[in-house]
């Protein structure tokens, strides 16, 4: 496994990146961002005025 993983990361991935078939960088910095999930409401924050 380590041998194959090294071959893939050093050989295959750069070739796919050159062919625009594999991302070079991520657009988001969190898993939530990558999955395009909305940020949940903070249950500890005070409710907004008029929300009661």
C-alpha atoms as a PDB file:
ATOM      1  CA  UNK A   1       0.000   0.000   0.000  1.00  0.00           C
ATOM      2  CA  UNK A   2       2.638   2.657   0.868  1.00  0.00           C
ATOM      3  CA  UNK A   3       4.498   1.926  -2.360  1.00  0.00           C
ATOM      4  CA  UNK A   4       1.337   2.248  -4.457  1.00  0.00           C
ATOM      5  CA  UNK A   5       0.233   5.395  -2.651  1.00  0.00           C
ATOM      6  CA  UNK A   6       3.572   7.049  -3.308  1.00  0.00           C
ATOM      7  CA  UNK A   7       3.391   6.144  -6.975  1.00  0.00           C
ATOM      8  CA  UNK A   8      -0.103   7.560  -7.291  1.00  0.00           C
ATOM      9  CA  UNK A   9       0.646  10.806  -5.464  1.00  0.00           C
ATOM     10  CA  UNK A  10       3.946  11.443  -7.239  1.00  0.00           C
ATOM     11  CA  UNK A  11       3.077  10.086 -10.684  1.00  0.00           C
ATOM     12  CA  UNK A  12      -0.628   9.869 -11.451  1.00  0.00           C
ATOM     13  CA  UNK A  13      -1.970  12.944  -9.630  1.00  0.00           C
ATOM     14  CA  UNK A  14       0.373  15.455 -11.328  1.00  0.00           C
ATOM     15  CA  UNK A  15      -0.545  14.024 -14.746  1.00  0.00           C
ATOM     16  CA  UNK A  16      -4.247  14.308 -13.978  1.00  0.00           C
ATOM     17  CA  UNK A  17      -3.735  17.881 -12.782  1.00  0.00           C
ATOM     18  CA  UNK A  18      -1.967  18.800 -16.022  1.00  0.00           C
ATOM     19  CA  UNK A  19      -4.929  17.384 -17.935  1.00  0.00           C
ATOM     20  CA  UNK A  20      -7.369  19.408 -15.751  1.00  0.00           C
ATOM     21  CA  UNK A  21      -8.898  16.148 -14.527  1.00  0.00           C
ATOM     22  CA  UNK A  22      -7.935  16.545 -10.859  1.00  0.00           C
ATOM     23  CA  UNK A  23      -8.160  19.611  -8.650  1.00  0.00           C
ATOM     24  CA  UNK A  24      -5.054  21.595  -7.810  1.00  0.00           C
ATOM     25  CA  UNK A  25      -6.557  23.345  -4.795  1.00  0.00           C
ATOM     26  CA  UNK A  26      -9.784  23.346  -2.832  1.00  0.00           C
ATOM     27  CA  UNK A  27     -12.235  26.244  -3.147  1.00  0.00           C
ATOM     28  CA  UNK A  28     -13.278  25.984   0.515  1.00  0.00           C
ATOM     29  CA  UNK A  29     -11.231  25.541   3.668  1.00  0.00           C
ATOM     30  CA  UNK A  30     -13.697  23.380   5.636  1.00  0.00           C
ATOM     31  CA  UNK A  31     -15.572  20.154   4.968  1.00  0.00           C
ATOM     32  CA  UNK A  32     -18.821  22.105   5.372  1.00  0.00           C
ATOM     33  CA  UNK A  33     -17.676  24.462   2.634  1.00  0.00           C
ATOM     34  CA  UNK A  34     -16.608  21.653   0.323  1.00  0.00           C
ATOM     35  CA  UNK A  35     -20.027  20.033   0.697  1.00  0.00           C
ATOM     36  CA  UNK A  36     -21.712  23.448   0.311  1.00  0.00           C
ATOM     37  CA  UNK A  37     -23.664  23.023   3.534  1.00  0.00           C
ATOM     38  CA  UNK A  38     -25.187  26.060   5.253  1.00  0.00           C
ATOM     39  CA  UNK A  39     -23.760  27.132   8.562  1.00  0.00           C
ATOM     40  CA  UNK A  40     -26.045  25.978  11.416  1.00  0.00           C
ATOM     41  CA  UNK A  41     -27.647  28.483  13.735  1.00  0.00           C
ATOM     42  CA  UNK A  42     -25.737  29.104  16.956  1.00  0.00           C
ATOM     43  CA  UNK A  43     -27.928  27.689  19.713  1.00  0.00           C
ATOM     44  CA  UNK A  44     -26.062  29.750  22.318  1.00  0.00           C
ATOM     45  CA  UNK A  45     -26.520  33.115  20.607  1.00  0.00           C
ATOM     46  CA  UNK A  46     -29.215  35.480  21.839  1.00  0.00           C
ATOM     47  CA  UNK A  47     -32.308  35.461  19.621  1.00  0.00           C
ATOM     48  CA  UNK A  48     -32.679  38.392  17.242  1.00  0.00           C
ATOM     49  CA  UNK A  49     -35.134  41.151  18.104  1.00  0.00           C
ATOM     50  CA  UNK A  50     -38.660  40.323  16.950  1.00  0.00           C
ATOM     51  CA  UNK A  51     -37.846  36.624  16.500  1.00  0.00           C
ATOM     52  CA  UNK A  52     -39.899  35.540  19.506  1.00  0.00           C
END
